[in-house]
Amino acid sequence: MSFPIVVTDATFQNEVTDSEIPVVVDIWATWCGPCKQIAPLLNQLAVEYDGRVKIVKLDADQNPATVTAIGVTSIPTLVFYNQGARVDMLIGAHAKPVIAEKMEALLA
């Protein structure tokens, strides 16, 4: 599955913290302009890193428990997980090379 997977409060642990491969969590909202700007980049990266890094999308408005637990204060926020642990975070819209560099670090 190469396109970002939608996760919820209920599926977050299974899809993210229990994942066998590194995960990038895109925390977004339907009303967020910068979130819409980076969505196509994340779709491309999901294809390029298919099977090596999983990209998931978490709607901040629909999943407040997870957003609060992670400590997200603005969106978009990308949270990088490896072996169930949060290892990095990017706040705001960033260019594809910046996101890809963080993904490469997950695989190093």
PDB file of N, CA and C in Angstrom:
ATOM      1  N   MET A   1       0.856  -1.179   0.000  1.00  0.00           N
ATOM      2  CA  MET A   1       0.000   0.000   0.000  1.00  0.00           C
ATOM      3  C   MET A   1       0.896   1.233   0.000  1.00  0.00           C
ATOM      4  N   SER A   2       0.811   2.032  -1.055  1.00  0.00           N
ATOM      5  CA  SER A   2       1.750   3.127  -1.165  1.00  0.00           C
ATOM      6  C   SER A   2       1.156   4.488  -0.819  1.00  0.00           C
ATOM      7  N   PHE A   3      -0.159   4.647  -0.896  1.00  0.00           N
ATOM      8  CA  PHE A   3      -0.713   5.945  -0.530  1.00  0.00           C
ATOM      9  C   PHE A   3      -0.835   6.048   0.975  1.00  0.00           C
ATOM     10  N   PRO A   4      -0.782   7.271   1.498  1.00  0.00           N
ATOM     11  CA  PRO A   4      -0.898   7.411   2.957  1.00  0.00           C
ATOM     12  C   PRO A   4      -2.137   6.709   3.495  1.00  0.00           C
ATOM     13  N   ILE A   5      -1.960   6.075   4.630  1.00  0.00           N
ATOM     14  CA  ILE A   5      -3.019   5.339   5.314  1.00  0.00           C
ATOM     15  C   ILE A   5      -3.671   6.291   6.308  1.00  0.00           C
ATOM     16  N   VAL A   6      -4.980   6.300   6.361  1.00  0.00           N
ATOM     17  CA  VAL A   6      -5.681   7.137   7.333  1.00  0.00           C
ATOM     18  C   VAL A   6      -5.698   6.402   8.668  1.00  0.00           C
ATOM     19  N   VAL A   7      -5.235   7.084   9.723  1.00  0.00           N
ATOM     20  CA  VAL A   7      -5.271   6.506  11.062  1.00  0.00           C
ATOM     21  C   VAL A   7      -6.166   7.356  11.962  1.00  0.00           C
ATOM     22  N   THR A   8      -6.626   6.737  13.036  1.00  0.00           N
ATOM     23  CA  THR A   8      -7.497   7.390  14.006  1.00  0.00           C
ATOM     24  C   THR A   8      -6.946   7.138  15.400  1.00  0.00           C
ATOM     25  N   ASP A   9      -7.584   7.735  16.394  1.00  0.00           N
ATOM     26  CA  ASP A   9      -7.211   7.440  17.780  1.00  0.00           C
ATOM     27  C   ASP A   9      -7.205   5.931  18.008  1.00  0.00           C
ATOM     28  N   ALA A  10      -8.198   5.242  17.424  1.00  0.00           N
ATOM     29  CA  ALA A  10      -8.362   3.799  17.647  1.00  0.00           C
ATOM     30  C   ALA A  10      -7.303   2.957  16.942  1.00  0.00           C
ATOM     31  N   THR A  11      -6.785   3.423  15.801  1.00  0.00           N
ATOM     32  CA  THR A  11      -5.844   2.597  15.030  1.00  0.00           C
ATOM     33  C   THR A  11      -4.399   3.067  15.126  1.00  0.00           C
ATOM     34  N   PHE A  12      -4.162   4.167  15.822  1.00  0.00           N
ATOM     35  CA  PHE A  12      -2.820   4.761  15.881  1.00  0.00           C
ATOM     36  C   PHE A  12      -1.775   3.776  16.399  1.00  0.00           C
ATOM     37  N   GLN A  13      -2.056   3.123  17.522  1.00  0.00           N
ATOM     38  CA  GLN A  13      -1.055   2.217  18.084  1.00  0.00           C
ATOM     39  C   GLN A  13      -0.715   1.098  17.110  1.00  0.00           C
ATOM     40  N   ASN A  14      -1.722   0.487  16.515  1.00  0.00           N
ATOM     41  CA  ASN A  14      -1.486  -0.621  15.598  1.00  0.00           C
ATOM     42  C   ASN A  14      -0.693  -0.185  14.364  1.00  0.00           C
ATOM     43  N   GLU A  15      -1.074   0.961  13.777  1.00  0.00           N
ATOM     44  CA  GLU A  15      -0.445   1.408  12.529  1.00  0.00           C
ATOM     45  C   GLU A  15       0.892   2.126  12.744  1.00  0.00           C
ATOM     46  N   VAL A  16       1.070   2.753  13.909  1.00  0.00           N
ATOM     47  CA  VAL A  16       2.261   3.582  14.112  1.00  0.00           C
ATOM     48  C   VAL A  16       3.219   2.962  15.126  1.00  0.00           C
ATOM     49  N   THR A  17       2.816   2.894  16.385  1.00  0.00           N
ATOM     50  CA  THR A  17       3.772   2.446  17.404  1.00  0.00           C
ATOM     51  C   THR A  17       4.091   0.958  17.299  1.00  0.00           C
ATOM     52  N   ASP A  18       3.179   0.163  16.735  1.00  0.00           N
ATOM     53  CA  ASP A  18       3.450  -1.264  16.563  1.00  0.00           C
ATOM     54  C   ASP A  18       3.989  -1.609  15.177  1.00  0.00           C
ATOM     55  N   SER A  19       4.262  -0.598  14.347  1.00  0.00           N
ATOM     56  CA  SER A  19       4.697  -0.840  12.968  1.00  0.00           C
ATOM     57  C   SER A  19       6.085  -1.476  12.924  1.00  0.00           C
ATOM     58  N   GLU A  20       6.245  -2.390  11.978  1.00  0.00           N
ATOM     59  CA  GLU A  20       7.536  -3.064  11.772  1.00  0.00           C
ATOM     60  C   GLU A  20       8.535  -2.153  11.053  1.00  0.00           C
ATOM     61  N   ILE A  21       8.014  -1.169  10.324  1.00  0.00           N
ATOM     62  CA  ILE A  21       8.880  -0.245   9.576  1.00  0.00           C
ATOM     63  C   ILE A  21       8.676   1.176  10.110  1.00  0.00           C
ATOM     64  N   PRO A  22       9.620   2.088   9.834  1.00  0.00           N
ATOM     65  CA  PRO A  22       9.458   3.482  10.280  1.00  0.00           C
ATOM     66  C   PRO A  22       8.167   4.099   9.727  1.00  0.00           C
ATOM     67  N   VAL A  23       7.639   5.075  10.463  1.00  0.00           N
ATOM     68  CA  VAL A  23       6.363   5.704  10.101  1.00  0.00           C
ATOM     69  C   VAL A  23       6.500   7.224  10.163  1.00  0.00           C
ATOM     70  N   VAL A  24       5.886   7.897   9.183  1.00  0.00           N
ATOM     71  CA  VAL A  24       5.730   9.345   9.204  1.00  0.00           C
ATOM     72  C   VAL A  24       4.245   9.615   9.396  1.00  0.00           C
ATOM     73  N   VAL A  25       3.908  10.361  10.452  1.00  0.00           N
ATOM     74  CA  VAL A  25       2.520  10.706  10.734  1.00  0.00           C
ATOM     75  C   VAL A  25       2.287  12.151  10.304  1.00  0.00           C
ATOM     76  N   ASP A  26       1.371  12.333   9.363  1.00  0.00           N
ATOM     77  CA  ASP A  26       0.984  13.655   8.895  1.00  0.00           C
ATOM     78  C   ASP A  26      -0.251  14.074   9.683  1.00  0.00           C
ATOM     79  N   ILE A  27      -0.093  15.063  10.566  1.00  0.00           N
ATOM     80  CA  ILE A  27      -1.209  15.562  11.359  1.00  0.00           C
ATOM     81  C   ILE A  27      -1.730  16.804  10.641  1.00  0.00           C
ATOM     82  N   TRP A  28      -2.980  16.742  10.222  1.00  0.00           N
ATOM     83  CA  TRP A  28      -3.546  17.735   9.317  1.00  0.00           C
ATOM     84  C   TRP A  28      -5.001  18.016   9.678  1.00  0.00           C
ATOM     85  N   ALA A  29      -5.609  18.961   8.971  1.00  0.00           N
ATOM     86  CA  ALA A  29      -7.041  19.238   9.105  1.00  0.00           C
ATOM     87  C   ALA A  29      -7.579  19.687   7.747  1.00  0.00           C
ATOM     88  N   THR A  30      -8.860  19.473   7.538  1.00  0.00           N
ATOM     89  CA  THR A  30      -9.475  19.800   6.244  1.00  0.00           C
ATOM     90  C   THR A  30      -9.402  21.290   5.932  1.00  0.00           C
ATOM     91  N   TRP A  31      -9.397  22.150   6.942  1.00  0.00           N
ATOM     92  CA  TRP A  31      -9.409  23.599   6.756  1.00  0.00           C
ATOM     93  C   TRP A  31      -8.006  24.200   6.637  1.00  0.00           C
ATOM     94  N   CYS A  32      -6.975  23.383   6.715  1.00  0.00           N
ATOM     95  CA  CYS A  32      -5.589  23.854   6.776  1.00  0.00           C
ATOM     96  C   CYS A  32      -4.972  23.943   5.381  1.00  0.00           C
ATOM     97  N   GLY A  33      -4.720  25.189   4.922  1.00  0.00           N
ATOM     98  CA  GLY A  33      -4.123  25.402   3.603  1.00  0.00           C
ATOM     99  C   GLY A  33      -2.758  24.759   3.428  1.00  0.00           C
ATOM    100  N   PRO A  34      -1.811  24.989   4.353  1.00  0.00           N
ATOM    101  CA  PRO A  34      -0.492  24.354   4.223  1.00  0.00           C
ATOM    102  C   PRO A  34      -0.562  22.825   4.235  1.00  0.00           C
ATOM    103  N   CYS A  35      -1.550  22.267   4.939  1.00  0.00           N
ATOM    104  CA  CYS A  35      -1.726  20.815   4.945  1.00  0.00           C
ATOM    105  C   CYS A  35      -2.039  20.318   3.532  1.00  0.00           C
ATOM    106  N   LYS A  36      -2.888  21.072   2.835  1.00  0.00           N
ATOM    107  CA  LYS A  36      -3.252  20.711   1.458  1.00  0.00           C
ATOM    108  C   LYS A  36      -2.058  20.868   0.528  1.00  0.00           C
ATOM    109  N   GLN A  37      -1.169  21.833   0.819  1.00  0.00           N
ATOM    110  CA  GLN A  37       0.017  22.043  -0.011  1.00  0.00           C
ATOM    111  C   GLN A  37       0.965  20.847   0.044  1.00  0.00           C
ATOM    112  N   ILE A  38       1.154  20.273   1.221  1.00  0.00           N
ATOM    113  CA  ILE A  38       2.129  19.180   1.334  1.00  0.00           C
ATOM    114  C   ILE A  38       1.532  17.809   1.024  1.00  0.00           C
ATOM    115  N   ALA A  39       0.211  17.698   0.941  1.00  0.00           N
ATOM    116  CA  ALA A  39      -0.421  16.396   0.686  1.00  0.00           C
ATOM    117  C   ALA A  39       0.107  15.717  -0.583  1.00  0.00           C
ATOM    118  N   PRO A  40       0.226  16.429  -1.724  1.00  0.00           N
ATOM    119  CA  PRO A  40       0.755  15.757  -2.922  1.00  0.00           C
ATOM    120  C   PRO A  40       2.199  15.282  -2.748  1.00  0.00           C
ATOM    121  N   LEU A  41       2.999  16.040  -1.997  1.00  0.00           N
ATOM    122  CA  LEU A  41       4.386  15.627  -1.739  1.00  0.00           C
ATOM    123  C   LEU A  41       4.410  14.327  -0.941  1.00  0.00           C
ATOM    124  N   LEU A  42       3.538  14.235   0.059  1.00  0.00           N
ATOM    125  CA  LEU A  42       3.489  13.030   0.877  1.00  0.00           C
ATOM    126  C   LEU A  42       2.997  11.836   0.063  1.00  0.00           C
ATOM    127  N   ASN A  43       2.070  12.087  -0.878  1.00  0.00           N
ATOM    128  CA  ASN A  43       1.615  11.006  -1.757  1.00  0.00           C
ATOM    129  C   ASN A  43       2.780  10.490  -2.599  1.00  0.00           C
ATOM    130  N   GLN A  44       3.598  11.409  -3.139  1.00  0.00           N
ATOM    131  CA  GLN A  44       4.766  11.005  -3.932  1.00  0.00           C
ATOM    132  C   GLN A  44       5.764  10.225  -3.081  1.00  0.00           C
ATOM    133  N   LEU A  45       6.039  10.725  -1.885  1.00  0.00           N
ATOM    134  CA  LEU A  45       6.992  10.053  -0.999  1.00  0.00           C
ATOM    135  C   LEU A  45       6.476   8.686  -0.562  1.00  0.00           C
ATOM    136  N   ALA A  46       5.170   8.555  -0.395  1.00  0.00           N
ATOM    137  CA  ALA A  46       4.595   7.258  -0.020  1.00  0.00           C
ATOM    138  C   ALA A  46       4.888   6.219  -1.099  1.00  0.00           C
ATOM    139  N   VAL A  47       4.839   6.636  -2.367  1.00  0.00           N
ATOM    140  CA  VAL A  47       5.148   5.730  -3.477  1.00  0.00           C
ATOM    141  C   VAL A  47       6.644   5.430  -3.505  1.00  0.00           C
ATOM    142  N   GLU A  48       7.465   6.485  -3.372  1.00  0.00           N
ATOM    143  CA  GLU A  48       8.919   6.319  -3.453  1.00  0.00           C
ATOM    144  C   GLU A  48       9.483   5.465  -2.318  1.00  0.00           C
ATOM    145  N   TYR A  49       8.873   5.539  -1.140  1.00  0.00           N
ATOM    146  CA  TYR A  49       9.381   4.807   0.026  1.00  0.00           C
ATOM    147  C   TYR A  49       8.523   3.592   0.378  1.00  0.00           C
ATOM    148  N   ASP A  50       7.651   3.189  -0.547  1.00  0.00           N
ATOM    149  CA  ASP A  50       6.744   2.069  -0.301  1.00  0.00           C
ATOM    150  C   ASP A  50       7.508   0.835   0.180  1.00  0.00           C
ATOM    151  N   GLY A  51       7.059   0.283   1.303  1.00  0.00           N
ATOM    152  CA  GLY A  51       7.686  -0.911   1.858  1.00  0.00           C
ATOM    153  C   GLY A  51       8.858  -0.615   2.777  1.00  0.00           C
ATOM    154  N   ARG A  52       9.341   0.650   2.758  1.00  0.00           N
ATOM    155  CA  ARG A  52      10.474   1.014   3.620  1.00  0.00           C
ATOM    156  C   ARG A  52      10.063   1.973   4.727  1.00  0.00           C
ATOM    157  N   VAL A  53       9.185   2.935   4.393  1.00  0.00           N
ATOM    158  CA  VAL A  53       8.653   3.881   5.370  1.00  0.00           C
ATOM    159  C   VAL A  53       7.158   4.007   5.096  1.00  0.00           C
ATOM    160  N   LYS A  54       6.363   3.905   6.142  1.00  0.00           N
ATOM    161  CA  LYS A  54       4.915   4.040   6.018  1.00  0.00           C
ATOM    162  C   LYS A  54       4.527   5.490   6.311  1.00  0.00           C
ATOM    163  N   ILE A  55       3.661   6.057   5.467  1.00  0.00           N
ATOM    164  CA  ILE A  55       3.138   7.398   5.710  1.00  0.00           C
ATOM    165  C   ILE A  55       1.661   7.269   6.063  1.00  0.00           C
ATOM    166  N   VAL A  56       1.297   7.877   7.188  1.00  0.00           N
ATOM    167  CA  VAL A  56      -0.098   7.834   7.633  1.00  0.00           C
ATOM    168  C   VAL A  56      -0.605   9.257   7.860  1.00  0.00           C
ATOM    169  N   LYS A  57      -1.913   9.437   7.732  1.00  0.00           N
ATOM    170  CA  LYS A  57      -2.543  10.748   7.919  1.00  0.00           C
ATOM    171  C   LYS A  57      -3.480  10.675   9.120  1.00  0.00           C
ATOM    172  N   LEU A  58      -3.365  11.659  10.006  1.00  0.00           N
ATOM    173  CA  LEU A  58      -4.218  11.739  11.189  1.00  0.00           C
ATOM    174  C   LEU A  58      -4.927  13.092  11.176  1.00  0.00           C
ATOM    175  N   ASP A  59      -6.248  13.077  11.068  1.00  0.00           N
ATOM    176  CA  ASP A  59      -7.047  14.303  11.067  1.00  0.00           C
ATOM    177  C   ASP A  59      -7.087  14.843  12.497  1.00  0.00           C
ATOM    178  N   ALA A  60      -6.499  16.022  12.699  1.00  0.00           N
ATOM    179  CA  ALA A  60      -6.384  16.599  14.041  1.00  0.00           C
ATOM    180  C   ALA A  60      -7.749  16.852  14.678  1.00  0.00           C
ATOM    181  N   ASP A  61      -8.708  17.277  13.881  1.00  0.00           N
ATOM    182  CA  ASP A  61     -10.035  17.594  14.428  1.00  0.00           C
ATOM    183  C   ASP A  61     -10.808  16.351  14.855  1.00  0.00           C
ATOM    184  N   GLN A  62     -10.584  15.244  14.158  1.00  0.00           N
ATOM    185  CA  GLN A  62     -11.324  14.008  14.436  1.00  0.00           C
ATOM    186  C   GLN A  62     -10.660  13.132  15.504  1.00  0.00           C
ATOM    187  N   ASN A  63      -9.403  13.418  15.831  1.00  0.00           N
ATOM    188  CA  ASN A  63      -8.632  12.546  16.723  1.00  0.00           C
ATOM    189  C   ASN A  63      -7.885  13.342  17.786  1.00  0.00           C
ATOM    190  N   PRO A  64      -8.623  14.072  18.622  1.00  0.00           N
ATOM    191  CA  PRO A  64      -7.969  14.962  19.595  1.00  0.00           C
ATOM    192  C   PRO A  64      -7.142  14.225  20.652  1.00  0.00           C
ATOM    193  N   ALA A  65      -7.503  13.012  20.991  1.00  0.00           N
ATOM    194  CA  ALA A  65      -6.754  12.288  22.031  1.00  0.00           C
ATOM    195  C   ALA A  65      -5.316  12.042  21.590  1.00  0.00           C
ATOM    196  N   THR A  66      -5.133  11.578  20.358  1.00  0.00           N
ATOM    197  CA  THR A  66      -3.789  11.304  19.856  1.00  0.00           C
ATOM    198  C   THR A  66      -3.012  12.599  19.659  1.00  0.00           C
ATOM    199  N   VAL A  67      -3.664  13.623  19.127  1.00  0.00           N
ATOM    200  CA  VAL A  67      -3.008  14.914  18.911  1.00  0.00           C
ATOM    201  C   VAL A  67      -2.499  15.470  20.244  1.00  0.00           C
ATOM    202  N   THR A  68      -3.319  15.381  21.274  1.00  0.00           N
ATOM    203  CA  THR A  68      -2.923  15.857  22.599  1.00  0.00           C
ATOM    204  C   THR A  68      -1.782  15.013  23.161  1.00  0.00           C
ATOM    205  N   ALA A  69      -1.875  13.697  22.999  1.00  0.00           N
ATOM    206  CA  ALA A  69      -0.845  12.795  23.525  1.00  0.00           C
ATOM    207  C   ALA A  69       0.516  13.054  22.871  1.00  0.00           C
ATOM    208  N   ILE A  70       0.504  13.368  21.585  1.00  0.00           N
ATOM    209  CA  ILE A  70       1.751  13.642  20.870  1.00  0.00           C
ATOM    210  C   ILE A  70       2.290  15.022  21.239  1.00  0.00           C
ATOM    211  N   GLY A  71       1.399  15.934  21.614  1.00  0.00           N
ATOM    212  CA  GLY A  71       1.820  17.278  21.978  1.00  0.00           C
ATOM    213  C   GLY A  71       1.855  18.232  20.803  1.00  0.00           C
ATOM    214  N   VAL A  72       1.016  17.996  19.818  1.00  0.00           N
ATOM    215  CA  VAL A  72       0.966  18.844  18.633  1.00  0.00           C
ATOM    216  C   VAL A  72       0.261  20.155  18.971  1.00  0.00           C
ATOM    217  N   THR A  73       0.889  21.269  18.601  1.00  0.00           N
ATOM    218  CA  THR A  73       0.300  22.575  18.879  1.00  0.00           C
ATOM    219  C   THR A  73      -0.049  23.352  17.618  1.00  0.00           C
ATOM    220  N   SER A  74       0.475  22.944  16.463  1.00  0.00           N
ATOM    221  CA  SER A  74       0.086  23.577  15.206  1.00  0.00           C
ATOM    222  C   SER A  74       0.171  22.542  14.089  1.00  0.00           C
ATOM    223  N   ILE A  75      -0.529  22.858  13.002  1.00  0.00           N
ATOM    224  CA  ILE A  75      -0.531  21.929  11.876  1.00  0.00           C
ATOM    225  C   ILE A  75      -0.211  22.684  10.600  1.00  0.00           C
ATOM    226  N   PRO A  76       0.346  22.018   9.590  1.00  0.00           N
ATOM    227  CA  PRO A  76       0.664  20.598   9.604  1.00  0.00           C
ATOM    228  C   PRO A  76       1.882  20.292  10.481  1.00  0.00           C
ATOM    229  N   THR A  77       1.858  19.117  11.045  1.00  0.00           N
ATOM    230  CA  THR A  77       3.006  18.593  11.779  1.00  0.00           C
ATOM    231  C   THR A  77       3.276  17.190  11.253  1.00  0.00           C
ATOM    232  N   LEU A  78       4.527  16.917  10.946  1.00  0.00           N
ATOM    233  CA  LEU A  78       4.956  15.572  10.581  1.00  0.00           C
ATOM    234  C   LEU A  78       5.741  15.016  11.759  1.00  0.00           C
ATOM    235  N   VAL A  79       5.327  13.839  12.223  1.00  0.00           N
ATOM    236  CA  VAL A  79       6.008  13.201  13.343  1.00  0.00           C
ATOM    237  C   VAL A  79       6.620  11.901  12.826  1.00  0.00           C
ATOM    238  N   PHE A  80       7.887  11.704  13.108  1.00  0.00           N
ATOM    239  CA  PHE A  80       8.645  10.565  12.590  1.00  0.00           C
ATOM    240  C   PHE A  80       8.849   9.537  13.697  1.00  0.00           C
ATOM    241  N   TYR A  81       8.450   8.300  13.426  1.00  0.00           N
ATOM    242  CA  TYR A  81       8.562   7.213  14.396  1.00  0.00           C
ATOM    243  C   TYR A  81       9.467   6.125  13.855  1.00  0.00           C
ATOM    244  N   ASN A  82      10.263   5.548  14.739  1.00  0.00           N
ATOM    245  CA  ASN A  82      11.074   4.389  14.391  1.00  0.00           C
ATOM    246  C   ASN A  82      11.021   3.424  15.561  1.00  0.00           C
ATOM    247  N   GLN A  83      10.647   2.183  15.282  1.00  0.00           N
ATOM    248  CA  GLN A  83      10.522   1.137  16.298  1.00  0.00           C
ATOM    249  C   GLN A  83       9.611   1.592  17.439  1.00  0.00           C
ATOM    250  N   GLY A  84       8.521   2.279  17.072  1.00  0.00           N
ATOM    251  CA  GLY A  84       7.516   2.678  18.048  1.00  0.00           C
ATOM    252  C   GLY A  84       7.810   3.947  18.818  1.00  0.00           C
ATOM    253  N   ALA A  85       8.986   4.538  18.626  1.00  0.00           N
ATOM    254  CA  ALA A  85       9.366   5.738  19.379  1.00  0.00           C
ATOM    255  C   ALA A  85       9.400   6.952  18.463  1.00  0.00           C
ATOM    256  N   ARG A  86       8.944   8.089  18.978  1.00  0.00           N
ATOM    257  CA  ARG A  86       9.022   9.336  18.219  1.00  0.00           C
ATOM    258  C   ARG A  86      10.474   9.783  18.192  1.00  0.00           C
ATOM    259  N   VAL A  87      11.006  10.003  16.991  1.00  0.00           N
ATOM    260  CA  VAL A  87      12.416  10.357  16.860  1.00  0.00           C
ATOM    261  C   VAL A  87      12.643  11.739  16.264  1.00  0.00           C
ATOM    262  N   ASP A  88      11.604  12.311  15.633  1.00  0.00           N
ATOM    263  CA  ASP A  88      11.781  13.625  15.013  1.00  0.00           C
ATOM    264  C   ASP A  88      10.414  14.234  14.731  1.00  0.00           C
ATOM    265  N   MET A  89      10.410  15.542  14.434  1.00  0.00           N
ATOM    266  CA  MET A  89       9.172  16.244  14.147  1.00  0.00           C
ATOM    267  C   MET A  89       9.476  17.434  13.237  1.00  0.00           C
ATOM    268  N   LEU A  90       8.595  17.692  12.296  1.00  0.00           N
ATOM    269  CA  LEU A  90       8.664  18.880  11.437  1.00  0.00           C
ATOM    270  C   LEU A  90       7.341  19.616  11.583  1.00  0.00           C
ATOM    271  N   ILE A  91       7.389  20.889  11.920  1.00  0.00           N
ATOM    272  CA  ILE A  91       6.171  21.678  12.063  1.00  0.00           C
ATOM    273  C   ILE A  91       6.085  22.644  10.891  1.00  0.00           C
ATOM    274  N   GLY A  92       4.926  22.699  10.249  1.00  0.00           N
ATOM    275  CA  GLY A  92       4.714  23.577   9.108  1.00  0.00           C
ATOM    276  C   GLY A  92       4.931  22.843   7.796  1.00  0.00           C
ATOM    277  N   ALA A  93       4.658  23.565   6.701  1.00  0.00           N
ATOM    278  CA  ALA A  93       4.836  23.000   5.366  1.00  0.00           C
ATOM    279  C   ALA A  93       6.303  23.097   4.967  1.00  0.00           C
ATOM    280  N   HIS A  94       6.856  21.976   4.516  1.00  0.00           N
ATOM    281  CA  HIS A  94       8.255  21.935   4.089  1.00  0.00           C
ATOM    282  C   HIS A  94       8.345  21.367   2.682  1.00  0.00           C
ATOM    283  N   ALA A  95       9.451  21.657   2.008  1.00  0.00           N
ATOM    284  CA  ALA A  95       9.688  21.147   0.657  1.00  0.00           C
ATOM    285  C   ALA A  95       9.955  19.641   0.707  1.00  0.00           C
ATOM    286  N   LYS A  96       9.669  18.988  -0.409  1.00  0.00           N
ATOM    287  CA  LYS A  96       9.859  17.541  -0.510  1.00  0.00           C
ATOM    288  C   LYS A  96      11.270  17.094  -0.109  1.00  0.00           C
ATOM    289  N   PRO A  97      12.347  17.778  -0.550  1.00  0.00           N
ATOM    290  CA  PRO A  97      13.696  17.317  -0.152  1.00  0.00           C
ATOM    291  C   PRO A  97      13.915  17.335   1.366  1.00  0.00           C
ATOM    292  N   VAL A  98      13.310  18.286   2.056  1.00  0.00           N
ATOM    293  CA  VAL A  98      13.462  18.359   3.516  1.00  0.00           C
ATOM    294  C   VAL A  98      12.780  17.149   4.163  1.00  0.00           C
ATOM    295  N   ILE A  99      11.587  16.833   3.703  1.00  0.00           N
ATOM    296  CA  ILE A  99      10.851  15.685   4.250  1.00  0.00           C
ATOM    297  C   ILE A  99      11.583  14.389   3.908  1.00  0.00           C
ATOM    298  N   ALA A 100      12.056  14.281   2.663  1.00  0.00           N
ATOM    299  CA  ALA A 100      12.779  13.076   2.232  1.00  0.00           C
ATOM    300  C   ALA A 100      14.048  12.865   3.055  1.00  0.00           C
ATOM    301  N   GLU A 101      14.735  13.951   3.380  1.00  0.00           N
ATOM    302  CA  GLU A 101      15.959  13.846   4.191  1.00  0.00           C
ATOM    303  C   GLU A 101      15.638  13.254   5.568  1.00  0.00           C
ATOM    304  N   LYS A 102      14.538  13.698   6.158  1.00  0.00           N
ATOM    305  CA  LYS A 102      14.119  13.154   7.458  1.00  0.00           C
ATOM    306  C   LYS A 102      13.754  11.682   7.333  1.00  0.00           C
ATOM    307  N   MET A 103      13.121  11.312   6.207  1.00  0.00           N
ATOM    308  CA  MET A 103      12.766   9.908   5.984  1.00  0.00           C
ATOM    309  C   MET A 103      14.011   9.049   5.812  1.00  0.00           C
ATOM    310  N   GLU A 104      14.993   9.576   5.087  1.00  0.00           N
ATOM    311  CA  GLU A 104      16.259   8.852   4.921  1.00  0.00           C
ATOM    312  C   GLU A 104      16.921   8.603   6.275  1.00  0.00           C
ATOM    313  N   ALA A 105      16.833   9.599   7.168  1.00  0.00           N
ATOM    314  CA  ALA A 105      17.423   9.446   8.502  1.00  0.00           C
ATOM    315  C   ALA A 105      16.766   8.295   9.263  1.00  0.00           C
ATOM    316  N   LEU A 106      15.478   8.065   9.014  1.00  0.00           N
ATOM    317  CA  LEU A 106      14.793   6.936   9.659  1.00  0.00           C
ATOM    318  C   LEU A 106      15.383   5.597   9.219  1.00  0.00           C
ATOM    319  N   LEU A 107      15.890   5.567   8.008  1.00  0.00           N
ATOM    320  CA  LEU A 107      16.397   4.315   7.426  1.00  0.00           C
ATOM    321  C   LEU A 107      17.884   4.116   7.686  1.00  0.00           C
ATOM    322  N   ALA A 108      18.557   5.131   8.190  1.00  0.00           N
ATOM    323  CA  ALA A 108      20.008   5.062   8.382  1.00  0.00           C
ATOM    324  C   ALA A 108      20.383   4.109   9.517  1.00  0.00           C
TER     325      ALA A 108
END
